[in-house]
PDB file of N, CA and C in Angstrom:
ATOM      1  N   MET A   1       0.931  -1.125  -0.120  1.00  0.00           N
ATOM      2  CA  MET A   1       0.228   0.005   0.079  1.00  0.00           C
ATOM      3  C   MET A   1       0.797   1.216   0.180  1.00  0.00           C
ATOM      4  N   PRO A   2       0.682   2.112  -0.752  1.00  0.00           N
ATOM      5  CA  PRO A   2       1.317   3.612  -1.083  1.00  0.00           C
ATOM      6  C   PRO A   2       1.293   4.197   0.354  1.00  0.00           C
ATOM      7  N   GLU A   3       2.219   5.126   0.627  1.00  0.00           N
ATOM      8  CA  GLU A   3       2.273   5.801   1.654  1.00  0.00           C
ATOM      9  C   GLU A   3       1.620   6.964   1.283  1.00  0.00           C
ATOM     10  N   LEU A   4       0.856   7.656   2.216  1.00  0.00           N
ATOM     11  CA  LEU A   4       0.303   9.103   1.745  1.00  0.00           C
ATOM     12  C   LEU A   4       0.653  10.274   2.245  1.00  0.00           C
ATOM     13  N   PRO A   5       0.825  11.115   1.337  1.00  0.00           N
ATOM     14  CA  PRO A   5       1.650  12.421   1.468  1.00  0.00           C
ATOM     15  C   PRO A   5       1.110  12.969   2.653  1.00  0.00           C
ATOM     16  N   GLN A   6       2.309  13.594   3.732  1.00  0.00           N
ATOM     17  CA  GLN A   6       1.789  14.484   4.871  1.00  0.00           C
ATOM     18  C   GLN A   6       1.151  15.587   4.603  1.00  0.00           C
ATOM     19  N   ILE A   7       0.500  15.985   5.081  1.00  0.00           N
ATOM     20  CA  ILE A   7      -0.275  17.471   5.082  1.00  0.00           C
ATOM     21  C   ILE A   7       0.440  18.503   5.845  1.00  0.00           C
ATOM     22  N   PRO A   8       1.000  19.823   5.395  1.00  0.00           N
ATOM     23  CA  PRO A   8       1.242  20.394   6.454  1.00  0.00           C
ATOM     24  C   PRO A   8       0.470  21.184   7.461  1.00  0.00           C
ATOM     25  N   THR A   9       1.003  21.270   8.642  1.00  0.00           N
ATOM     26  CA  THR A   9      -0.050  21.758   9.296  1.00  0.00           C
ATOM     27  C   THR A   9       0.156  23.431   9.607  1.00  0.00           C
ATOM     28  N   SER A  10       1.107  23.946   9.104  1.00  0.00           N
ATOM     29  CA  SER A  10       1.149  25.387   9.260  1.00  0.00           C
ATOM     30  C   SER A  10       1.182  25.863   7.656  1.00  0.00           C
ATOM     31  N   SER A  11       1.301  27.131   7.598  1.00  0.00           N
ATOM     32  CA  SER A  11       1.435  27.861   6.463  1.00  0.00           C
ATOM     33  C   SER A  11       2.759  27.939   6.069  1.00  0.00           C
ATOM     34  N   PRO A  12       3.056  27.706   4.269  1.00  0.00           N
ATOM     35  CA  PRO A  12       4.067  27.586   3.903  1.00  0.00           C
ATOM     36  C   PRO A  12       4.980  29.065   3.740  1.00  0.00           C
ATOM     37  N   GLY A  13       6.296  29.279   3.879  1.00  0.00           N
ATOM     38  CA  GLY A  13       6.980  30.097   4.232  1.00  0.00           C
ATOM     39  C   GLY A  13       7.339  30.727   5.374  1.00  0.00           C
ATOM     40  N   PRO A  14       8.274  31.667   5.375  1.00  0.00           N
ATOM     41  CA  PRO A  14       8.722  31.727   6.922  1.00  0.00           C
ATOM     42  C   PRO A  14       7.634  32.604   7.474  1.00  0.00           C
ATOM     43  N   PRO A  15       7.969  31.908   9.251  1.00  0.00           N
ATOM     44  CA  PRO A  15       6.621  32.579  10.065  1.00  0.00           C
ATOM     45  C   PRO A  15       6.679  34.251  10.090  1.00  0.00           C
ATOM     46  N   THR A  16       5.771  34.491  10.442  1.00  0.00           N
ATOM     47  CA  THR A  16       5.130  36.064  10.631  1.00  0.00           C
ATOM     48  C   THR A  16       5.992  36.194  12.239  1.00  0.00           C
ATOM     49  N   THR A  17       6.553  37.615  12.370  1.00  0.00           N
ATOM     50  CA  THR A  17       6.887  37.863  13.472  1.00  0.00           C
ATOM     51  C   THR A  17       6.266  39.327  13.948  1.00  0.00           C
ATOM     52  N   GLU A  18       5.062  39.686  13.020  1.00  0.00           N
ATOM     53  CA  GLU A  18       4.386  40.739  13.521  1.00  0.00           C
ATOM     54  C   GLU A  18       3.119  40.657  14.567  1.00  0.00           C
ATOM     55  N   SER A  19       3.148  41.739  15.323  1.00  0.00           N
ATOM     56  CA  SER A  19       2.342  41.371  16.196  1.00  0.00           C
ATOM     57  C   SER A  19       0.794  41.872  15.869  1.00  0.00           C
ATOM     58  N   LEU A  20       0.075  41.220  16.771  1.00  0.00           N
ATOM     59  CA  LEU A  20      -1.636  41.490  16.364  1.00  0.00           C
ATOM     60  C   LEU A  20      -2.079  42.695  15.843  1.00  0.00           C
ATOM     61  N   PRO A  21      -1.551  43.617  16.972  1.00  0.00           N
ATOM     62  CA  PRO A  21      -2.063  45.099  16.469  1.00  0.00           C
ATOM     63  C   PRO A  21      -1.534  45.778  14.969  1.00  0.00           C
ATOM     64  N   THR A  22      -0.551  45.094  14.716  1.00  0.00           N
ATOM     65  CA  THR A  22       0.034  45.688  13.529  1.00  0.00           C
ATOM     66  C   THR A  22      -0.470  44.605  12.219  1.00  0.00           C
ATOM     67  N   LEU A  23      -0.924  43.710  12.562  1.00  0.00           N
ATOM     68  CA  LEU A  23      -1.736  42.921  11.239  1.00  0.00           C
ATOM     69  C   LEU A  23      -3.195  43.439  11.453  1.00  0.00           C
ATOM     70  N   VAL A  24      -3.578  43.984  12.346  1.00  0.00           N
ATOM     71  CA  VAL A  24      -5.127  44.609  12.363  1.00  0.00           C
ATOM     72  C   VAL A  24      -4.892  45.716  11.738  1.00  0.00           C
ATOM     73  N   THR A  25      -3.963  46.649  12.011  1.00  0.00           N
ATOM     74  CA  THR A  25      -3.733  47.855  11.283  1.00  0.00           C
ATOM     75  C   THR A  25      -3.758  47.616   9.826  1.00  0.00           C
ATOM     76  N   GLU A  26      -2.837  46.830   9.442  1.00  0.00           N
ATOM     77  CA  GLU A  26      -2.427  46.460   7.997  1.00  0.00           C
ATOM     78  C   GLU A  26      -3.902  46.167   7.299  1.00  0.00           C
ATOM     79  N   LEU A  27      -4.245  45.076   8.077  1.00  0.00           N
ATOM     80  CA  LEU A  27      -5.852  44.325   7.747  1.00  0.00           C
ATOM     81  C   LEU A  27      -6.973  45.676   7.074  1.00  0.00           C
ATOM     82  N   TRP A  28      -6.951  46.800   8.149  1.00  0.00           N
ATOM     83  CA  TRP A  28      -7.674  47.893   7.982  1.00  0.00           C
ATOM     84  C   TRP A  28      -7.608  48.595   6.846  1.00  0.00           C
ATOM     85  N   GLU A  29      -6.147  49.164   6.746  1.00  0.00           N
ATOM     86  CA  GLU A  29      -5.707  49.985   5.642  1.00  0.00           C
ATOM     87  C   GLU A  29      -5.829  49.222   4.400  1.00  0.00           C
ATOM     88  N   MET A  30      -5.580  47.760   4.392  1.00  0.00           N
ATOM     89  CA  MET A  30      -6.151  47.309   3.231  1.00  0.00           C
ATOM     90  C   MET A  30      -7.840  47.113   2.577  1.00  0.00           C
ATOM     91  N   VAL A  31      -8.758  47.032   3.809  1.00  0.00           N
ATOM     92  CA  VAL A  31      -9.835  47.192   3.557  1.00  0.00           C
ATOM     93  C   VAL A  31     -10.234  48.557   3.294  1.00  0.00           C
ATOM     94  N   VAL A  32      -9.843  49.416   3.838  1.00  0.00           N
ATOM     95  CA  VAL A  32      -9.982  50.991   3.371  1.00  0.00           C
ATOM     96  C   VAL A  32      -9.653  51.282   2.107  1.00  0.00           C
ATOM     97  N   GLY A  33      -8.574  50.676   1.762  1.00  0.00           N
ATOM     98  CA  GLY A  33      -8.029  51.090   0.582  1.00  0.00           C
ATOM     99  C   GLY A  33      -8.885  50.152  -0.775  1.00  0.00           C
ATOM    100  N   TYR A  34      -9.302  49.133  -0.497  1.00  0.00           N
ATOM    101  CA  TYR A  34     -10.016  48.556  -1.327  1.00  0.00           C
ATOM    102  C   TYR A  34     -11.637  49.045  -1.480  1.00  0.00           C
ATOM    103  N   ALA A  35     -12.092  49.346  -0.520  1.00  0.00           N
ATOM    104  CA  ALA A  35     -13.285  50.139  -0.416  1.00  0.00           C
ATOM    105  C   ALA A  35     -13.375  51.431  -1.217  1.00  0.00           C
ATOM    106  N   LYS A  36     -12.180  52.521  -1.361  1.00  0.00           N
ATOM    107  CA  LYS A  36     -11.732  53.230  -1.990  1.00  0.00           C
ATOM    108  C   LYS A  36     -12.038  52.919  -3.474  1.00  0.00           C
ATOM    109  N   GLN A  37     -10.962  52.001  -3.695  1.00  0.00           N
ATOM    110  CA  GLN A  37     -10.843  51.744  -5.267  1.00  0.00           C
ATOM    111  C   GLN A  37     -12.010  51.236  -5.662  1.00  0.00           C
ATOM    112  N   GLN A  38     -13.051  50.431  -5.145  1.00  0.00           N
ATOM    113  CA  GLN A  38     -14.299  49.777  -5.570  1.00  0.00           C
ATOM    114  C   GLN A  38     -15.461  50.858  -5.785  1.00  0.00           C
ATOM    115  N   THR A  39     -15.430  51.816  -5.055  1.00  0.00           N
ATOM    116  CA  THR A  39     -16.525  52.691  -4.747  1.00  0.00           C
ATOM    117  C   THR A  39     -16.206  54.157  -5.072  1.00  0.00           C
ATOM    118  N   VAL A  40     -15.259  54.936  -4.566  1.00  0.00           N
ATOM    119  CA  VAL A  40     -15.368  56.064  -4.840  1.00  0.00           C
ATOM    120  C   VAL A  40     -14.293  56.487  -6.057  1.00  0.00           C
ATOM    121  N   GLU A  41     -13.738  55.763  -6.558  1.00  0.00           N
ATOM    122  CA  GLU A  41     -13.225  56.106  -7.712  1.00  0.00           C
ATOM    123  C   GLU A  41     -14.242  55.709  -9.052  1.00  0.00           C
ATOM    124  N   PRO A  42     -15.073  54.620  -9.111  1.00  0.00           N
ATOM    125  CA  PRO A  42     -16.104  54.611 -10.151  1.00  0.00           C
ATOM    126  C   PRO A  42     -16.942  55.879  -9.644  1.00  0.00           C
ATOM    127  N   VAL A  43     -17.502  56.343  -8.651  1.00  0.00           N
ATOM    128  CA  VAL A  43     -18.276  57.151  -8.719  1.00  0.00           C
ATOM    129  C   VAL A  43     -17.733  58.754  -9.141  1.00  0.00           C
ATOM    130  N   LYS A  44     -16.464  59.173  -8.890  1.00  0.00           N
ATOM    131  CA  LYS A  44     -15.803  60.110  -9.494  1.00  0.00           C
ATOM    132  C   LYS A  44     -15.959  60.232 -11.023  1.00  0.00           C
ATOM    133  N   GLY A  45     -15.616  58.904 -11.509  1.00  0.00           N
ATOM    134  CA  GLY A  45     -15.901  58.679 -13.134  1.00  0.00           C
ATOM    135  C   GLY A  45     -17.540  58.778 -13.560  1.00  0.00           C
ATOM    136  N   LEU A  46     -18.500  58.629 -12.853  1.00  0.00           N
ATOM    137  CA  LEU A  46     -19.857  58.568 -12.778  1.00  0.00           C
ATOM    138  C   LEU A  46     -20.291  59.992 -12.836  1.00  0.00           C
ATOM    139  N   LEU A  47     -19.609  60.970 -11.943  1.00  0.00           N
ATOM    140  CA  LEU A  47     -19.931  62.160 -11.638  1.00  0.00           C
ATOM    141  C   LEU A  47     -19.711  63.458 -12.977  1.00  0.00           C
ATOM    142  N   GLY A  48     -18.356  62.776 -13.806  1.00  0.00           N
ATOM    143  CA  GLY A  48     -17.931  63.268 -14.883  1.00  0.00           C
ATOM    144  C   GLY A  48     -19.131  63.070 -15.989  1.00  0.00           C
ATOM    145  N   PHE A  49     -19.374  61.675 -15.971  1.00  0.00           N
ATOM    146  CA  PHE A  49     -20.319  61.349 -17.041  1.00  0.00           C
ATOM    147  C   PHE A  49     -21.724  62.471 -16.888  1.00  0.00           C
ATOM    148  N   LEU A  50     -22.365  62.214 -15.369  1.00  0.00           N
ATOM    149  CA  LEU A  50     -23.399  62.738 -15.357  1.00  0.00           C
ATOM    150  C   LEU A  50     -23.245  64.426 -15.602  1.00  0.00           C
ATOM    151  N   GLY A  51     -22.330  64.669 -15.592  1.00  0.00           N
ATOM    152  CA  GLY A  51     -21.910  66.379 -15.743  1.00  0.00           C
ATOM    153  C   GLY A  51     -22.104  66.584 -17.262  1.00  0.00           C
ATOM    154  N   PHE A  52     -21.639  65.983 -18.168  1.00  0.00           N
ATOM    155  CA  PHE A  52     -21.805  65.988 -19.429  1.00  0.00           C
ATOM    156  C   PHE A  52     -23.127  65.690 -19.667  1.00  0.00           C
ATOM    157  N   GLY A  53     -23.875  64.638 -19.284  1.00  0.00           N
ATOM    158  CA  GLY A  53     -25.260  64.442 -19.501  1.00  0.00           C
ATOM    159  C   GLY A  53     -26.414  65.710 -19.093  1.00  0.00           C
ATOM    160  N   ILE A  54     -25.943  66.306 -17.945  1.00  0.00           N
ATOM    161  CA  ILE A  54     -26.794  67.485 -17.381  1.00  0.00           C
ATOM    162  C   ILE A  54     -26.557  68.727 -18.392  1.00  0.00           C
ATOM    163  N   ALA A  55     -25.137  68.861 -18.740  1.00  0.00           N
ATOM    164  CA  ALA A  55     -25.125  69.967 -19.737  1.00  0.00           C
ATOM    165  C   ALA A  55     -25.775  69.761 -20.956  1.00  0.00           C
ATOM    166  N   GLY A  56     -25.387  68.665 -21.595  1.00  0.00           N
ATOM    167  CA  GLY A  56     -26.070  68.606 -22.769  1.00  0.00           C
ATOM    168  C   GLY A  56     -27.572  68.577 -22.680  1.00  0.00           C
ATOM    169  N   ALA A  57     -28.316  67.944 -21.760  1.00  0.00           N
ATOM    170  CA  ALA A  57     -29.560  68.388 -21.408  1.00  0.00           C
ATOM    171  C   ALA A  57     -30.227  69.785 -21.236  1.00  0.00           C
ATOM    172  N   VAL A  58     -29.429  70.571 -20.554  1.00  0.00           N
ATOM    173  CA  VAL A  58     -29.636  71.797 -20.633  1.00  0.00           C
ATOM    174  C   VAL A  58     -29.527  72.836 -21.656  1.00  0.00           C
ATOM    175  N   LEU A  59     -28.625  72.302 -22.589  1.00  0.00           N
ATOM    176  CA  LEU A  59     -28.361  73.283 -23.775  1.00  0.00           C
ATOM    177  C   LEU A  59     -29.186  72.475 -24.896  1.00  0.00           C
ATOM    178  N   THR A  60     -29.561  71.533 -24.936  1.00  0.00           N
ATOM    179  CA  THR A  60     -30.579  70.909 -26.054  1.00  0.00           C
ATOM    180  C   THR A  60     -32.079  71.545 -25.652  1.00  0.00           C
ATOM    181  N   SER A  61     -32.373  71.620 -24.312  1.00  0.00           N
ATOM    182  CA  SER A  61     -33.720  72.215 -23.934  1.00  0.00           C
ATOM    183  C   SER A  61     -33.698  73.722 -24.434  1.00  0.00           C
ATOM    184  N   PHE A  62     -32.869  74.476 -24.206  1.00  0.00           N
ATOM    185  CA  PHE A  62     -32.683  75.803 -24.455  1.00  0.00           C
ATOM    186  C   PHE A  62     -32.354  76.125 -25.747  1.00  0.00           C
ATOM    187  N   GLY A  63     -31.805  75.102 -27.087  1.00  0.00           N
ATOM    188  CA  GLY A  63     -32.260  75.309 -28.160  1.00  0.00           C
ATOM    189  C   GLY A  63     -33.252  74.901 -28.636  1.00  0.00           C
ATOM    190  N   LEU A  64     -34.116  73.892 -28.128  1.00  0.00           N
ATOM    191  CA  LEU A  64     -35.652  73.646 -28.249  1.00  0.00           C
ATOM    192  C   LEU A  64     -36.578  74.892 -27.959  1.00  0.00           C
ATOM    193  N   VAL A  65     -36.411  75.432 -27.040  1.00  0.00           N
ATOM    194  CA  VAL A  65     -37.139  76.717 -26.797  1.00  0.00           C
ATOM    195  C   VAL A  65     -36.952  77.738 -27.922  1.00  0.00           C
ATOM    196  N   LEU A  66     -35.758  77.979 -28.142  1.00  0.00           N
ATOM    197  CA  LEU A  66     -35.411  79.022 -29.101  1.00  0.00           C
ATOM    198  C   LEU A  66     -36.043  78.582 -30.435  1.00  0.00           C
ATOM    199  N   LEU A  67     -35.968  77.307 -30.920  1.00  0.00           N
ATOM    200  CA  LEU A  67     -36.538  76.848 -31.936  1.00  0.00           C
ATOM    201  C   LEU A  67     -38.156  76.913 -32.023  1.00  0.00           C
ATOM    202  N   ALA A  68     -38.775  76.614 -30.558  1.00  0.00           N
ATOM    203  CA  ALA A  68     -40.040  76.927 -30.868  1.00  0.00           C
ATOM    204  C   ALA A  68     -40.548  78.483 -30.736  1.00  0.00           C
ATOM    205  N   LEU A  69     -40.018  79.237 -30.264  1.00  0.00           N
ATOM    206  CA  LEU A  69     -40.154  80.705 -30.370  1.00  0.00           C
ATOM    207  C   LEU A  69     -40.000  81.095 -31.906  1.00  0.00           C
ATOM    208  N   ALA A  70     -39.031  80.659 -32.640  1.00  0.00           N
ATOM    209  CA  ALA A  70     -38.714  81.000 -33.803  1.00  0.00           C
ATOM    210  C   ALA A  70     -39.865  80.502 -34.764  1.00  0.00           C
ATOM    211  N   GLY A  71     -40.563  79.206 -34.462  1.00  0.00           N
ATOM    212  CA  GLY A  71     -41.344  78.994 -35.348  1.00  0.00           C
ATOM    213  C   GLY A  71     -42.696  79.584 -34.895  1.00  0.00           C
ATOM    214  N   LEU A  72     -42.940  80.057 -33.787  1.00  0.00           N
ATOM    215  CA  LEU A  72     -44.211  80.878 -33.331  1.00  0.00           C
ATOM    216  C   LEU A  72     -44.034  82.057 -34.142  1.00  0.00           C
ATOM    217  N   ARG A  73     -42.920  82.720 -34.356  1.00  0.00           N
ATOM    218  CA  ARG A  73     -42.599  84.183 -34.607  1.00  0.00           C
ATOM    219  C   ARG A  73     -42.888  83.947 -36.249  1.00  0.00           C
ATOM    220  N   VAL A  74     -42.295  82.600 -36.873  1.00  0.00           N
ATOM    221  CA  VAL A  74     -42.715  82.454 -38.434  1.00  0.00           C
ATOM    222  C   VAL A  74     -44.354  82.391 -38.605  1.00  0.00           C
ATOM    223  N   ILE A  75     -44.794  81.817 -37.678  1.00  0.00           N
ATOM    224  CA  ILE A  75     -46.341  81.518 -38.096  1.00  0.00           C
ATOM    225  C   ILE A  75     -46.823  82.751 -37.859  1.00  0.00           C
ATOM    226  N   GLN A  76     -46.663  83.601 -36.952  1.00  0.00           N
ATOM    227  CA  GLN A  76     -47.192  84.953 -36.662  1.00  0.00           C
ATOM    228  C   GLN A  76     -47.132  85.885 -37.914  1.00  0.00           C
ATOM    229  N   VAL A  77     -46.047  85.703 -38.559  1.00  0.00           N
ATOM    230  CA  VAL A  77     -45.896  86.639 -39.384  1.00  0.00           C
ATOM    231  C   VAL A  77     -46.098  86.372 -40.908  1.00  0.00           C
ATOM    232  N   GLU A  78     -45.916  85.276 -41.171  1.00  0.00           N
ATOM    233  CA  GLU A  78     -45.936  84.713 -42.546  1.00  0.00           C
ATOM    234  C   GLU A  78     -47.552  84.279 -42.828  1.00  0.00           C
ATOM    235  N   THR A  79     -48.334  83.876 -41.930  1.00  0.00           N
ATOM    236  CA  THR A  79     -49.721  83.532 -41.826  1.00  0.00           C
ATOM    237  C   THR A  79     -50.577  84.673 -41.769  1.00  0.00           C
ATOM    238  N   THR A  80     -52.044  84.359 -42.053  1.00  0.00           N
ATOM    239  CA  THR A  80     -52.895  85.272 -42.025  1.00  0.00           C
ATOM    240  C   THR A  80     -53.718  85.248 -40.665  1.00  0.00           C
ATOM    241  N   LEU A  81     -53.227  84.648 -39.802  1.00  0.00           N
ATOM    242  CA  LEU A  81     -53.792  84.290 -38.244  1.00  0.00           C
ATOM    243  C   LEU A  81     -54.080  85.538 -37.366  1.00  0.00           C
ATOM    244  N   HIS A  82     -54.660  86.491 -38.040  1.00  0.00           N
ATOM    245  CA  HIS A  82     -54.693  87.462 -37.083  1.00  0.00           C
ATOM    246  C   HIS A  82     -56.201  87.915 -36.313  1.00  0.00           C
ATOM    247  N   GLY A  83     -56.487  88.833 -35.590  1.00  0.00           N
ATOM    248  CA  GLY A  83     -58.025  88.874 -34.948  1.00  0.00           C
ATOM    249  C   GLY A  83     -58.328  87.967 -34.243  1.00  0.00           C
ATOM    250  N   HIS A  84     -59.211  87.179 -34.319  1.00  0.00           N
ATOM    251  CA  HIS A  84     -60.000  86.169 -33.682  1.00  0.00           C
ATOM    252  C   HIS A  84     -59.092  84.856 -33.522  1.00  0.00           C
ATOM    253  N   LEU A  85     -58.233  84.656 -34.573  1.00  0.00           N
ATOM    254  CA  LEU A  85     -57.488  83.593 -34.603  1.00  0.00           C
ATOM    255  C   LEU A  85     -56.173  83.563 -33.964  1.00  0.00           C
ATOM    256  N   SER A  86     -55.720  84.642 -33.543  1.00  0.00           N
ATOM    257  CA  SER A  86     -54.221  85.005 -33.194  1.00  0.00           C
ATOM    258  C   SER A  86     -53.798  84.065 -32.193  1.00  0.00           C
ATOM    259  N   TRP A  87     -54.712  83.348 -31.455  1.00  0.00           N
ATOM    260  CA  TRP A  87     -54.132  82.016 -30.638  1.00  0.00           C
ATOM    261  C   TRP A  87     -53.714  81.065 -31.022  1.00  0.00           C
ATOM    262  N   LEU A  88     -54.112  80.591 -32.244  1.00  0.00           N
ATOM    263  CA  LEU A  88     -53.858  79.321 -33.166  1.00  0.00           C
ATOM    264  C   LEU A  88     -52.552  79.342 -33.395  1.00  0.00           C
ATOM    265  N   PRO A  89     -51.335  80.060 -33.513  1.00  0.00           N
ATOM    266  CA  PRO A  89     -50.080  79.820 -33.519  1.00  0.00           C
ATOM    267  C   PRO A  89     -49.756  79.148 -32.425  1.00  0.00           C
ATOM    268  N   TYR A  90     -49.875  79.924 -31.322  1.00  0.00           N
ATOM    269  CA  TYR A  90     -49.832  79.417 -29.889  1.00  0.00           C
ATOM    270  C   TYR A  90     -49.980  77.711 -29.719  1.00  0.00           C
ATOM    271  N   LEU A  91     -51.050  77.481 -30.033  1.00  0.00           N
ATOM    272  CA  LEU A  91     -51.648  76.004 -30.180  1.00  0.00           C
ATOM    273  C   LEU A  91     -50.890  75.201 -31.019  1.00  0.00           C
ATOM    274  N   ILE A  92     -50.388  75.731 -31.935  1.00  0.00           N
ATOM    275  CA  ILE A  92     -49.363  74.988 -32.654  1.00  0.00           C
ATOM    276  C   ILE A  92     -48.173  74.606 -32.420  1.00  0.00           C
ATOM    277  N   VAL A  93     -47.483  75.777 -31.745  1.00  0.00           N
ATOM    278  CA  VAL A  93     -46.200  75.516 -31.178  1.00  0.00           C
ATOM    279  C   VAL A  93     -46.055  74.588 -29.888  1.00  0.00           C
ATOM    280  N   VAL A  94     -47.177  74.707 -29.276  1.00  0.00           N
ATOM    281  CA  VAL A  94     -47.296  74.039 -27.552  1.00  0.00           C
ATOM    282  C   VAL A  94     -47.928  72.545 -28.305  1.00  0.00           C
ATOM    283  N   ALA A  95     -48.338  72.480 -29.245  1.00  0.00           N
ATOM    284  CA  ALA A  95     -48.615  70.963 -29.949  1.00  0.00           C
ATOM    285  C   ALA A  95     -47.496  70.434 -30.409  1.00  0.00           C
ATOM    286  N   VAL A  96     -46.782  71.055 -31.172  1.00  0.00           N
ATOM    287  CA  VAL A  96     -45.704  70.473 -32.150  1.00  0.00           C
ATOM    288  C   VAL A  96     -44.475  70.135 -30.644  1.00  0.00           C
ATOM    289  N   ALA A  97     -44.219  71.014 -29.727  1.00  0.00           N
ATOM    290  CA  ALA A  97     -43.211  71.029 -28.550  1.00  0.00           C
ATOM    291  C   ALA A  97     -43.955  69.954 -27.891  1.00  0.00           C
ATOM    292  N   GLY A  98     -45.036  69.564 -27.552  1.00  0.00           N
ATOM    293  CA  GLY A  98     -45.613  68.387 -26.797  1.00  0.00           C
ATOM    294  C   GLY A  98     -45.409  67.152 -27.639  1.00  0.00           C
ATOM    295  N   ALA A  99     -45.305  67.262 -28.695  1.00  0.00           N
ATOM    296  CA  ALA A  99     -45.301  66.013 -29.618  1.00  0.00           C
ATOM    297  C   ALA A  99     -43.724  65.775 -29.401  1.00  0.00           C
ATOM    298  N   ILE A 100     -42.755  66.387 -29.579  1.00  0.00           N
ATOM    299  CA  ILE A 100     -41.195  66.470 -29.487  1.00  0.00           C
ATOM    300  C   ILE A 100     -41.025  66.052 -28.025  1.00  0.00           C
ATOM    301  N   ALA A 101     -41.559  66.422 -26.972  1.00  0.00           N
ATOM    302  CA  ALA A 101     -41.363  65.914 -25.802  1.00  0.00           C
ATOM    303  C   ALA A 101     -41.859  64.741 -25.511  1.00  0.00           C
ATOM    304  N   GLY A 102     -43.246  63.911 -26.010  1.00  0.00           N
ATOM    305  CA  GLY A 102     -43.744  62.696 -26.226  1.00  0.00           C
ATOM    306  C   GLY A 102     -42.692  61.887 -26.847  1.00  0.00           C
ATOM    307  N   LEU A 103     -42.206  62.303 -27.985  1.00  0.00           N
ATOM    308  CA  LEU A 103     -41.186  61.329 -28.521  1.00  0.00           C
ATOM    309  C   LEU A 103     -40.032  61.174 -27.832  1.00  0.00           C
ATOM    310  N   ALA A 104     -39.547  62.067 -27.145  1.00  0.00           N
ATOM    311  CA  ALA A 104     -38.504  62.139 -25.945  1.00  0.00           C
ATOM    312  C   ALA A 104     -38.756  60.922 -24.892  1.00  0.00           C
ATOM    313  N   VAL A 105     -39.867  61.343 -24.421  1.00  0.00           N
ATOM    314  CA  VAL A 105     -40.257  60.402 -23.181  1.00  0.00           C
ATOM    315  C   VAL A 105     -40.513  58.812 -23.943  1.00  0.00           C
ATOM    316  N   ARG A 106     -40.961  58.779 -24.905  1.00  0.00           N
ATOM    317  CA  ARG A 106     -41.182  57.408 -25.804  1.00  0.00           C
ATOM    318  C   ARG A 106     -39.737  56.676 -25.520  1.00  0.00           C
ATOM    319  N   ALA A 107     -38.958  57.458 -26.144  1.00  0.00           N
ATOM    320  CA  ALA A 107     -37.571  57.163 -26.515  1.00  0.00           C
ATOM    321  C   ALA A 107     -36.915  56.439 -25.317  1.00  0.00           C
ATOM    322  N   ILE A 108     -37.040  57.413 -23.928  1.00  0.00           N
ATOM    323  CA  ILE A 108     -36.250  57.111 -22.886  1.00  0.00           C
ATOM    324  C   ILE A 108     -36.767  55.910 -22.298  1.00  0.00           C
ATOM    325  N   THR A 109     -38.060  55.687 -22.159  1.00  0.00           N
ATOM    326  CA  THR A 109     -38.707  54.475 -21.363  1.00  0.00           C
ATOM    327  C   THR A 109     -38.901  53.379 -22.372  1.00  0.00           C
ATOM    328  N   LYS A 110     -38.517  53.461 -23.386  1.00  0.00           N
ATOM    329  CA  LYS A 110     -38.800  52.245 -24.387  1.00  0.00           C
ATOM    330  C   LYS A 110     -38.145  51.198 -24.051  1.00  0.00           C
ATOM    331  N   PRO A 111     -38.609  49.858 -24.155  1.00  0.00           N
ATOM    332  CA  PRO A 111     -37.862  48.774 -23.573  1.00  0.00           C
ATOM    333  C   PRO A 111     -36.782  48.361 -24.243  1.00  0.00           C
ATOM    334  N   SER A 112     -35.810  47.560 -23.713  1.00  0.00           N
ATOM    335  CA  SER A 112     -34.829  47.196 -24.614  1.00  0.00           C
ATOM    336  C   SER A 112     -35.317  45.929 -25.608  1.00  0.00           C
ATOM    337  N   ARG A 113     -34.791  45.799 -26.704  1.00  0.00           N
ATOM    338  CA  ARG A 113     -35.151  44.696 -27.419  1.00  0.00           C
ATOM    339  C   ARG A 113     -33.980  43.630 -27.495  1.00  0.00           C
ATOM    340  N   ASP A 114     -33.110  43.849 -26.725  1.00  0.00           N
ATOM    341  CA  ASP A 114     -31.675  42.740 -26.639  1.00  0.00           C
ATOM    342  C   ASP A 114     -32.450  41.519 -25.949  1.00  0.00           C
ATOM    343  N   LYS A 115     -31.991  40.204 -26.714  1.00  0.00           N
ATOM    344  CA  LYS A 115     -32.350  39.024 -26.164  1.00  0.00           C
ATOM    345  C   LYS A 115     -31.410  38.561 -25.001  1.00  0.00           C
ATOM    346  N   GLU A 116     -32.008  38.076 -23.906  1.00  0.00           N
ATOM    347  CA  GLU A 116     -31.102  37.591 -23.061  1.00  0.00           C
ATOM    348  C   GLU A 116     -30.620  36.165 -23.266  1.00  0.00           C
ATOM    349  N   GLY A 117     -29.540  35.621 -22.975  1.00  0.00           N
ATOM    350  CA  GLY A 117     -29.424  34.078 -23.297  1.00  0.00           C
ATOM    351  C   GLY A 117     -28.231  34.105 -23.917  1.00  0.00           C
TER     352      GLY A 117
END
């Protein structure tokens, strides 16, 4: 019958001579460093991404408002909607702006068509 190999009872390598408080301090520093690496650094990257997103949304909204005002002015000047129909250009601009907002909401809330698996 072959002889079974012996399993060492202690960890391989030289024995550690560090005291328990030193080991606990090193463990704490390692845990804090790992937590920063896994949480703080990704959040910093996310904040940059979020900043560009908010800036883009503000500028796009401002541009759409100016475009709506330009459309209103064109409708008021170039059509014969005066007198009792002077409210109609405002209704047209609000309807178009509402349609654009509806399309944006639909695009944002549209479920993904990616197949899982």
